Amino acid sequence: FLEAVGVADHEGRIKPTKQDKYRQVEQFVRLLDVAVEDARAAGALHEPTAENPWRLVDLGCGNAYLTVGAFVWLARVRGLPVVVHGVDVRESFRDRNSSLAAELGWSDGLTFEAAAIADAADAGYDIVVALHACDTATDDALARAVRWRSPVVLAAPCCHHDLQKQVSRATSPSPYGSLTRHGLLKERLVDVLTDGVRAMLLRIVGYRVDVVEFV
């Protein structure tokens, strides 16, 4: 599958230009494995069966490196009953990724949809993942997960622009002006504030939240 998604060459070697992507997806799948086992042990995630498999959705899936990687790990390596669905607003990604799933012979368990995150088909997913859904797309993904009451949610946010624009339009109260006058420090402060609010809101609606560094 690494060759099919363009990460490895025909001899199975990771391409030099894809080393970062390979490590990123591999680490995310490791975190996913820990999260589902924790939820399973706590009774928050049901035992998957052929009749009632886990339903996983990747919101903002792009080229589906993570979508396919999650399917391969859970369904092919661990042998768990699971169906995986990728959502991206671009129809070209849906068509490409659907062809890839068909080429690999996994169309029954690996499907794709062209839609905005807020408009994705309402399927009540057990596991929601979002890898680098830019800016407020991460908030859209978290909101869908909460509405679905998904037991497991993993998000690696990026490009925290929304709150940064709000801060830039206002005069920062003392003593925060000492931070916001420097672009780099303001960016880091707003990143922390954004993810801090996300974590707080998830806790308010009943989730146990872990904030970890993902590089």
C-alpha atoms as a PDB file:
ATOM      1  CA  PHE A   1       0.000   0.000   0.000  1.00  0.00           C
ATOM      2  CA  LEU A   2       2.951   2.337   0.597  1.00  0.00           C
ATOM      3  CA  GLU A   3       3.898   1.917  -3.040  1.00  0.00           C
ATOM      4  CA  ALA A   4       0.301   2.486  -4.162  1.00  0.00           C
ATOM      5  CA  VAL A   5      -0.014   5.786  -2.264  1.00  0.00           C
ATOM      6  CA  GLY A   6       3.346   6.962  -3.599  1.00  0.00           C
ATOM      7  CA  VAL A   7       5.342   6.790  -0.362  1.00  0.00           C
ATOM      8  CA  ALA A   8       7.556   3.837  -1.336  1.00  0.00           C
ATOM      9  CA  ASP A   9       9.256   2.873  -4.586  1.00  0.00           C
ATOM     10  CA  HIS A  10       8.811  -0.441  -6.424  1.00  0.00           C
ATOM     11  CA  GLU A  11      11.320  -2.135  -4.130  1.00  0.00           C
ATOM     12  CA  GLY A  12       9.512  -1.052  -0.974  1.00  0.00           C
ATOM     13  CA  ARG A  13      11.983   1.675  -0.013  1.00  0.00           C
ATOM     14  CA  ILE A  14      10.573   4.902   1.395  1.00  0.00           C
ATOM     15  CA  LYS A  15      11.181   7.716  -1.084  1.00  0.00           C
ATOM     16  CA  PRO A  16      13.512  10.455   0.216  1.00  0.00           C
ATOM     17  CA  THR A  17      10.851  13.106  -0.441  1.00  0.00           C
ATOM     18  CA  LYS A  18       8.255  11.092   1.541  1.00  0.00           C
ATOM     19  CA  GLN A  19      10.277  10.292   4.664  1.00  0.00           C
ATOM     20  CA  ASP A  20       8.531  12.959   6.738  1.00  0.00           C
ATOM     21  CA  LYS A  21       5.075  11.881   5.559  1.00  0.00           C
ATOM     22  CA  TYR A  22       5.856   8.229   6.318  1.00  0.00           C
ATOM     23  CA  ARG A  23       7.042   8.995   9.860  1.00  0.00           C
ATOM     24  CA  GLN A  24       4.086  11.318  10.416  1.00  0.00           C
ATOM     25  CA  VAL A  25       1.467   8.742   9.413  1.00  0.00           C
ATOM     26  CA  GLU A  26       3.249   5.924  11.255  1.00  0.00           C
ATOM     27  CA  GLN A  27       3.322   7.945  14.481  1.00  0.00           C
ATOM     28  CA  PHE A  28      -0.310   8.981  14.103  1.00  0.00           C
ATOM     29  CA  VAL A  29      -1.330   5.338  13.649  1.00  0.00           C
ATOM     30  CA  ARG A  30       0.632   4.427  16.797  1.00  0.00           C
ATOM     31  CA  LEU A  31      -1.353   7.047  18.728  1.00  0.00           C
ATOM     32  CA  LEU A  32      -4.569   5.761  17.162  1.00  0.00           C
ATOM     33  CA  ASP A  33      -3.791   2.225  18.295  1.00  0.00           C
ATOM     34  CA  VAL A  34      -3.202   3.354  21.886  1.00  0.00           C
ATOM     35  CA  ALA A  35      -6.357   5.489  21.890  1.00  0.00           C
ATOM     36  CA  VAL A  36      -8.691   2.752  20.624  1.00  0.00           C
ATOM     37  CA  GLU A  37      -7.293   0.220  23.090  1.00  0.00           C
ATOM     38  CA  ASP A  38      -7.736   2.676  25.978  1.00  0.00           C
ATOM     39  CA  ALA A  39     -11.327   3.356  24.910  1.00  0.00           C
ATOM     40  CA  ARG A  40     -11.935  -0.349  24.443  1.00  0.00           C
ATOM     41  CA  ALA A  41     -10.619  -1.169  27.921  1.00  0.00           C
ATOM     42  CA  ALA A  42     -12.758   1.596  29.446  1.00  0.00           C
ATOM     43  CA  GLY A  43     -15.884   0.242  27.759  1.00  0.00           C
ATOM     44  CA  ALA A  44     -16.359   3.412  25.722  1.00  0.00           C
ATOM     45  CA  LEU A  45     -15.722   1.627  22.422  1.00  0.00           C
ATOM     46  CA  HIS A  46     -17.718  -1.500  21.621  1.00  0.00           C
ATOM     47  CA  GLU A  47     -16.118  -4.787  20.646  1.00  0.00           C
ATOM     48  CA  PRO A  48     -16.107  -4.829  16.836  1.00  0.00           C
ATOM     49  CA  THR A  49     -17.788  -7.662  14.964  1.00  0.00           C
ATOM     50  CA  ALA A  50     -18.471  -8.366  11.307  1.00  0.00           C
ATOM     51  CA  GLU A  51     -22.081  -7.278  11.877  1.00  0.00           C
ATOM     52  CA  ASN A  52     -21.101  -4.200  13.927  1.00  0.00           C
ATOM     53  CA  PRO A  53     -17.613  -3.080  12.890  1.00  0.00           C
ATOM     54  CA  TRP A  54     -15.843   0.035  14.066  1.00  0.00           C
ATOM     55  CA  ARG A  55     -16.589   2.963  11.786  1.00  0.00           C
ATOM     56  CA  LEU A  56     -13.651   5.344  11.318  1.00  0.00           C
ATOM     57  CA  VAL A  57     -13.745   8.608   9.388  1.00  0.00           C
ATOM     58  CA  ASP A  58     -10.794  10.754   8.300  1.00  0.00           C
ATOM     59  CA  LEU A  59     -12.021  14.341   7.945  1.00  0.00           C
ATOM     60  CA  GLY A  60      -9.990  16.379   5.469  1.00  0.00           C
ATOM     61  CA  CYS A  61      -8.260  13.255   4.171  1.00  0.00           C
ATOM     62  CA  GLY A  62      -6.447  14.799   1.185  1.00  0.00           C
ATOM     63  CA  ASN A  63      -4.311  12.168  -0.529  1.00  0.00           C
ATOM     64  CA  ALA A  64      -5.486   9.623   2.076  1.00  0.00           C
ATOM     65  CA  TYR A  65      -2.069   8.609   3.406  1.00  0.00           C
ATOM     66  CA  LEU A  66      -3.538   8.423   6.901  1.00  0.00           C
ATOM     67  CA  THR A  67      -6.904   7.015   5.769  1.00  0.00           C
ATOM     68  CA  VAL A  68      -5.287   4.058   4.042  1.00  0.00           C
ATOM     69  CA  GLY A  69      -2.681   3.681   6.790  1.00  0.00           C
ATOM     70  CA  ALA A  70      -5.381   3.467   9.473  1.00  0.00           C
ATOM     71  CA  PHE A  71      -7.316   0.907   7.434  1.00  0.00           C
ATOM     72  CA  VAL A  72      -4.234  -1.218   6.833  1.00  0.00           C
ATOM     73  CA  TRP A  73      -3.229  -1.172  10.498  1.00  0.00           C
ATOM     74  CA  LEU A  74      -6.625  -1.874  12.007  1.00  0.00           C
ATOM     75  CA  ALA A  75      -8.156  -4.136   9.341  1.00  0.00           C
ATOM     76  CA  ARG A  76      -5.225  -5.855   7.658  1.00  0.00           C
ATOM     77  CA  VAL A  77      -2.523  -6.005  10.336  1.00  0.00           C
ATOM     78  CA  ARG A  78      -4.635  -6.339  13.482  1.00  0.00           C
ATOM     79  CA  GLY A  79      -7.508  -8.103  11.750  1.00  0.00           C
ATOM     80  CA  LEU A  80     -10.219  -6.008  13.425  1.00  0.00           C
ATOM     81  CA  PRO A  81     -13.633  -5.560  11.790  1.00  0.00           C
ATOM     82  CA  VAL A  82     -13.512  -1.931  10.679  1.00  0.00           C
ATOM     83  CA  VAL A  83     -14.734   0.233   7.817  1.00  0.00           C
ATOM     84  CA  VAL A  84     -12.884   3.444   7.006  1.00  0.00           C
ATOM     85  CA  HIS A  85     -14.260   6.498   5.206  1.00  0.00           C
ATOM     86  CA  GLY A  86     -12.327   9.516   3.942  1.00  0.00           C
ATOM     87  CA  VAL A  87     -13.884  12.952   3.468  1.00  0.00           C
ATOM     88  CA  ASP A  88     -12.353  15.819   1.510  1.00  0.00           C
ATOM     89  CA  VAL A  89     -13.974  18.814  -0.136  1.00  0.00           C
ATOM     90  CA  ARG A  90     -12.131  18.197  -3.433  1.00  0.00           C
ATOM     91  CA  GLU A  91     -13.750  15.809  -5.890  1.00  0.00           C
ATOM     92  CA  SER A  92     -10.367  15.051  -7.480  1.00  0.00           C
ATOM     93  CA  PHE A  93      -9.191  13.504  -4.194  1.00  0.00           C
ATOM     94  CA  ARG A  94     -12.379  11.452  -3.897  1.00  0.00           C
ATOM     95  CA  ASP A  95     -11.916  10.071  -7.412  1.00  0.00           C
ATOM     96  CA  ARG A  96      -8.203   9.379  -6.960  1.00  0.00           C
ATOM     97  CA  ASN A  97      -8.612   7.756  -3.567  1.00  0.00           C
ATOM     98  CA  SER A  98     -11.596   5.645  -4.636  1.00  0.00           C
ATOM     99  CA  SER A  99      -9.570   4.357  -7.590  1.00  0.00           C
ATOM    100  CA  LEU A 100      -6.707   3.567  -5.216  1.00  0.00           C
ATOM    101  CA  ALA A 101      -9.008   1.574  -2.906  1.00  0.00           C
ATOM    102  CA  ALA A 102     -10.343  -0.359  -5.905  1.00  0.00           C
ATOM    103  CA  GLU A 103      -6.805  -1.015  -7.170  1.00  0.00           C
ATOM    104  CA  LEU A 104      -5.855  -2.452  -3.772  1.00  0.00           C
ATOM    105  CA  GLY A 105      -9.051  -4.525  -3.609  1.00  0.00           C
ATOM    106  CA  TRP A 106     -10.321  -2.786  -0.476  1.00  0.00           C
ATOM    107  CA  SER A 107     -13.356  -0.888  -1.787  1.00  0.00           C
ATOM    108  CA  ASP A 108     -15.704  -2.726   0.561  1.00  0.00           C
ATOM    109  CA  GLY A 109     -13.951  -1.403   3.648  1.00  0.00           C
ATOM    110  CA  LEU A 110     -12.351   1.795   2.374  1.00  0.00           C
ATOM    111  CA  THR A 111     -14.573   4.502   0.861  1.00  0.00           C
ATOM    112  CA  PHE A 112     -14.344   8.193   0.059  1.00  0.00           C
ATOM    113  CA  GLU A 113     -16.649  11.186  -0.207  1.00  0.00           C
ATOM    114  CA  ALA A 114     -16.338  14.698  -1.654  1.00  0.00           C
ATOM    115  CA  ALA A 115     -17.887  17.077   0.876  1.00  0.00           C
ATOM    116  CA  ALA A 116     -17.073  19.821   3.338  1.00  0.00           C
ATOM    117  CA  ILE A 117     -16.510  18.509   6.848  1.00  0.00           C
ATOM    118  CA  ALA A 118     -19.722  20.121   8.054  1.00  0.00           C
ATOM    119  CA  ASP A 119     -21.650  18.403   5.238  1.00  0.00           C
ATOM    120  CA  ALA A 120     -20.149  14.914   5.537  1.00  0.00           C
ATOM    121  CA  ALA A 121     -22.628  12.046   5.554  1.00  0.00           C
ATOM    122  CA  ASP A 122     -24.063  11.553   9.040  1.00  0.00           C
ATOM    123  CA  ALA A 123     -23.005   7.998   9.868  1.00  0.00           C
ATOM    124  CA  GLY A 124     -22.372   8.130  13.613  1.00  0.00           C
ATOM    125  CA  TYR A 125     -18.685   7.232  13.516  1.00  0.00           C
ATOM    126  CA  ASP A 126     -16.927   5.465  16.385  1.00  0.00           C
ATOM    127  CA  ILE A 127     -13.511   6.945  15.586  1.00  0.00           C
ATOM    128  CA  VAL A 128     -12.846  10.401  14.113  1.00  0.00           C
ATOM    129  CA  VAL A 129      -9.377  11.445  12.944  1.00  0.00           C
ATOM    130  CA  ALA A 130      -8.174  14.695  11.405  1.00  0.00           C
ATOM    131  CA  LEU A 131      -4.541  15.112  10.420  1.00  0.00           C
ATOM    132  CA  HIS A 132      -3.626  18.729   9.683  1.00  0.00           C
ATOM    133  CA  ALA A 133      -7.129  20.031   8.995  1.00  0.00           C
ATOM    134  CA  CYS A 134      -6.113  23.652   8.540  1.00  0.00           C
ATOM    135  CA  ASP A 135      -7.272  26.417  10.873  1.00  0.00           C
ATOM    136  CA  THR A 136     -10.978  26.135  11.773  1.00  0.00           C
ATOM    137  CA  ALA A 137     -11.352  22.900   9.757  1.00  0.00           C
ATOM    138  CA  THR A 138     -10.041  21.224  12.915  1.00  0.00           C
ATOM    139  CA  ASP A 139     -12.905  22.834  14.841  1.00  0.00           C
ATOM    140  CA  ASP A 140     -15.346  21.560  12.207  1.00  0.00           C
ATOM    141  CA  ALA A 141     -13.923  18.053  12.678  1.00  0.00           C
ATOM    142  CA  LEU A 142     -14.186  18.229  16.471  1.00  0.00           C
ATOM    143  CA  ALA A 143     -17.746  19.557  16.217  1.00  0.00           C
ATOM    144  CA  ARG A 144     -18.800  16.663  13.974  1.00  0.00           C
ATOM    145  CA  ALA A 145     -17.202  14.175  16.357  1.00  0.00           C
ATOM    146  CA  VAL A 146     -19.098  15.650  19.307  1.00  0.00           C
ATOM    147  CA  ARG A 147     -22.406  15.576  17.418  1.00  0.00           C
ATOM    148  CA  TRP A 148     -21.773  11.945  16.466  1.00  0.00           C
ATOM    149  CA  ARG A 149     -20.809  11.211  20.090  1.00  0.00           C
ATOM    150  CA  SER A 150     -17.745   9.447  18.758  1.00  0.00           C
ATOM    151  CA  PRO A 151     -15.904   7.634  21.577  1.00  0.00           C
ATOM    152  CA  VAL A 152     -12.460   8.261  20.054  1.00  0.00           C
ATOM    153  CA  VAL A 153     -11.243  11.507  18.476  1.00  0.00           C
ATOM    154  CA  LEU A 154      -7.702  12.274  17.333  1.00  0.00           C
ATOM    155  CA  ALA A 155      -6.803  15.628  15.801  1.00  0.00           C
ATOM    156  CA  ALA A 156      -3.442  17.068  14.832  1.00  0.00           C
ATOM    157  CA  PRO A 157      -4.329  20.731  14.146  1.00  0.00           C
ATOM    158  CA  CYS A 158      -2.311  23.190  12.111  1.00  0.00           C
ATOM    159  CA  CYS A 159      -2.376  26.733  10.716  1.00  0.00           C
ATOM    160  CA  HIS A 160      -4.032  28.494  13.662  1.00  0.00           C
ATOM    161  CA  HIS A 161      -5.080  31.648  11.814  1.00  0.00           C
ATOM    162  CA  ASP A 162      -8.538  32.510  13.114  1.00  0.00           C
ATOM    163  CA  LEU A 163      -7.698  33.653  16.653  1.00  0.00           C
ATOM    164  CA  GLN A 164      -4.452  35.193  15.429  1.00  0.00           C
ATOM    165  CA  LYS A 165      -6.437  37.487  13.119  1.00  0.00           C
ATOM    166  CA  GLN A 166      -8.679  38.472  16.024  1.00  0.00           C
ATOM    167  CA  VAL A 167      -5.689  39.264  18.236  1.00  0.00           C
ATOM    168  CA  SER A 168      -4.025  41.261  15.445  1.00  0.00           C
ATOM    169  CA  ARG A 169      -7.094  43.474  15.068  1.00  0.00           C
ATOM    170  CA  ALA A 170      -7.179  44.441  18.753  1.00  0.00           C
ATOM    171  CA  THR A 171      -4.896  46.092  21.294  1.00  0.00           C
ATOM    172  CA  SER A 172      -3.662  43.442  23.705  1.00  0.00           C
ATOM    173  CA  PRO A 173      -4.277  44.220  27.390  1.00  0.00           C
ATOM    174  CA  SER A 174      -1.337  44.488  29.758  1.00  0.00           C
ATOM    175  CA  PRO A 175       0.890  42.546  30.135  1.00  0.00           C
ATOM    176  CA  TYR A 176       0.164  40.550  26.963  1.00  0.00           C
ATOM    177  CA  GLY A 177       1.284  43.389  24.715  1.00  0.00           C
ATOM    178  CA  SER A 178       4.865  42.428  25.552  1.00  0.00           C
ATOM    179  CA  LEU A 179       4.206  39.092  23.815  1.00  0.00           C
ATOM    180  CA  THR A 180       1.960  40.106  20.940  1.00  0.00           C
ATOM    181  CA  ARG A 181       4.355  42.830  19.751  1.00  0.00           C
ATOM    182  CA  HIS A 182       6.662  40.045  18.541  1.00  0.00           C
ATOM    183  CA  GLY A 183       5.247  38.061  15.643  1.00  0.00           C
ATOM    184  CA  LEU A 184       6.848  34.734  16.619  1.00  0.00           C
ATOM    185  CA  LEU A 185       5.746  34.951  20.256  1.00  0.00           C
ATOM    186  CA  LYS A 186       2.238  36.046  19.260  1.00  0.00           C
ATOM    187  CA  GLU A 187       1.950  33.079  16.914  1.00  0.00           C
ATOM    188  CA  ARG A 188       2.983  30.614  19.618  1.00  0.00           C
ATOM    189  CA  LEU A 189       0.737  32.225  22.229  1.00  0.00           C
ATOM    190  CA  VAL A 190      -2.286  32.062  19.935  1.00  0.00           C
ATOM    191  CA  ASP A 191      -1.528  28.431  19.008  1.00  0.00           C
ATOM    192  CA  VAL A 192      -1.600  27.509  22.700  1.00  0.00           C
ATOM    193  CA  LEU A 193      -4.758  29.542  23.344  1.00  0.00           C
ATOM    194  CA  THR A 194      -6.558  27.938  20.386  1.00  0.00           C
ATOM    195  CA  ASP A 195      -5.742  24.366  21.370  1.00  0.00           C
ATOM    196  CA  GLY A 196      -6.335  25.155  25.038  1.00  0.00           C
ATOM    197  CA  VAL A 197      -9.878  26.287  24.257  1.00  0.00           C
ATOM    198  CA  ARG A 198     -10.451  23.190  22.123  1.00  0.00           C
ATOM    199  CA  ALA A 199      -9.321  20.917  24.953  1.00  0.00           C
ATOM    200  CA  MET A 200     -11.477  22.789  27.473  1.00  0.00           C
ATOM    201  CA  LEU A 201     -14.601  22.561  25.300  1.00  0.00           C
ATOM    202  CA  LEU A 202     -14.114  18.829  24.753  1.00  0.00           C
ATOM    203  CA  ARG A 203     -13.794  18.302  28.500  1.00  0.00           C
ATOM    204  CA  ILE A 204     -16.959  20.324  29.092  1.00  0.00           C
ATOM    205  CA  VAL A 205     -18.957  17.956  26.858  1.00  0.00           C
ATOM    206  CA  GLY A 206     -17.586  14.898  28.614  1.00  0.00           C
ATOM    207  CA  TYR A 207     -14.381  13.805  26.894  1.00  0.00           C
ATOM    208  CA  ARG A 208     -11.168  12.834  28.621  1.00  0.00           C
ATOM    209  CA  VAL A 209      -8.580  14.920  26.820  1.00  0.00           C
ATOM    210  CA  ASP A 210      -4.854  14.382  26.387  1.00  0.00           C
ATOM    211  CA  VAL A 211      -2.789  17.108  24.730  1.00  0.00           C
ATOM    212  CA  VAL A 212       0.455  15.693  23.345  1.00  0.00           C
ATOM    213  CA  GLU A 213       3.199  16.963  21.097  1.00  0.00           C
ATOM    214  CA  PHE A 214       2.940  15.604  17.563  1.00  0.00           C
ATOM    215  CA  VAL A 215       5.869  16.394  15.308  1.00  0.00           C
END
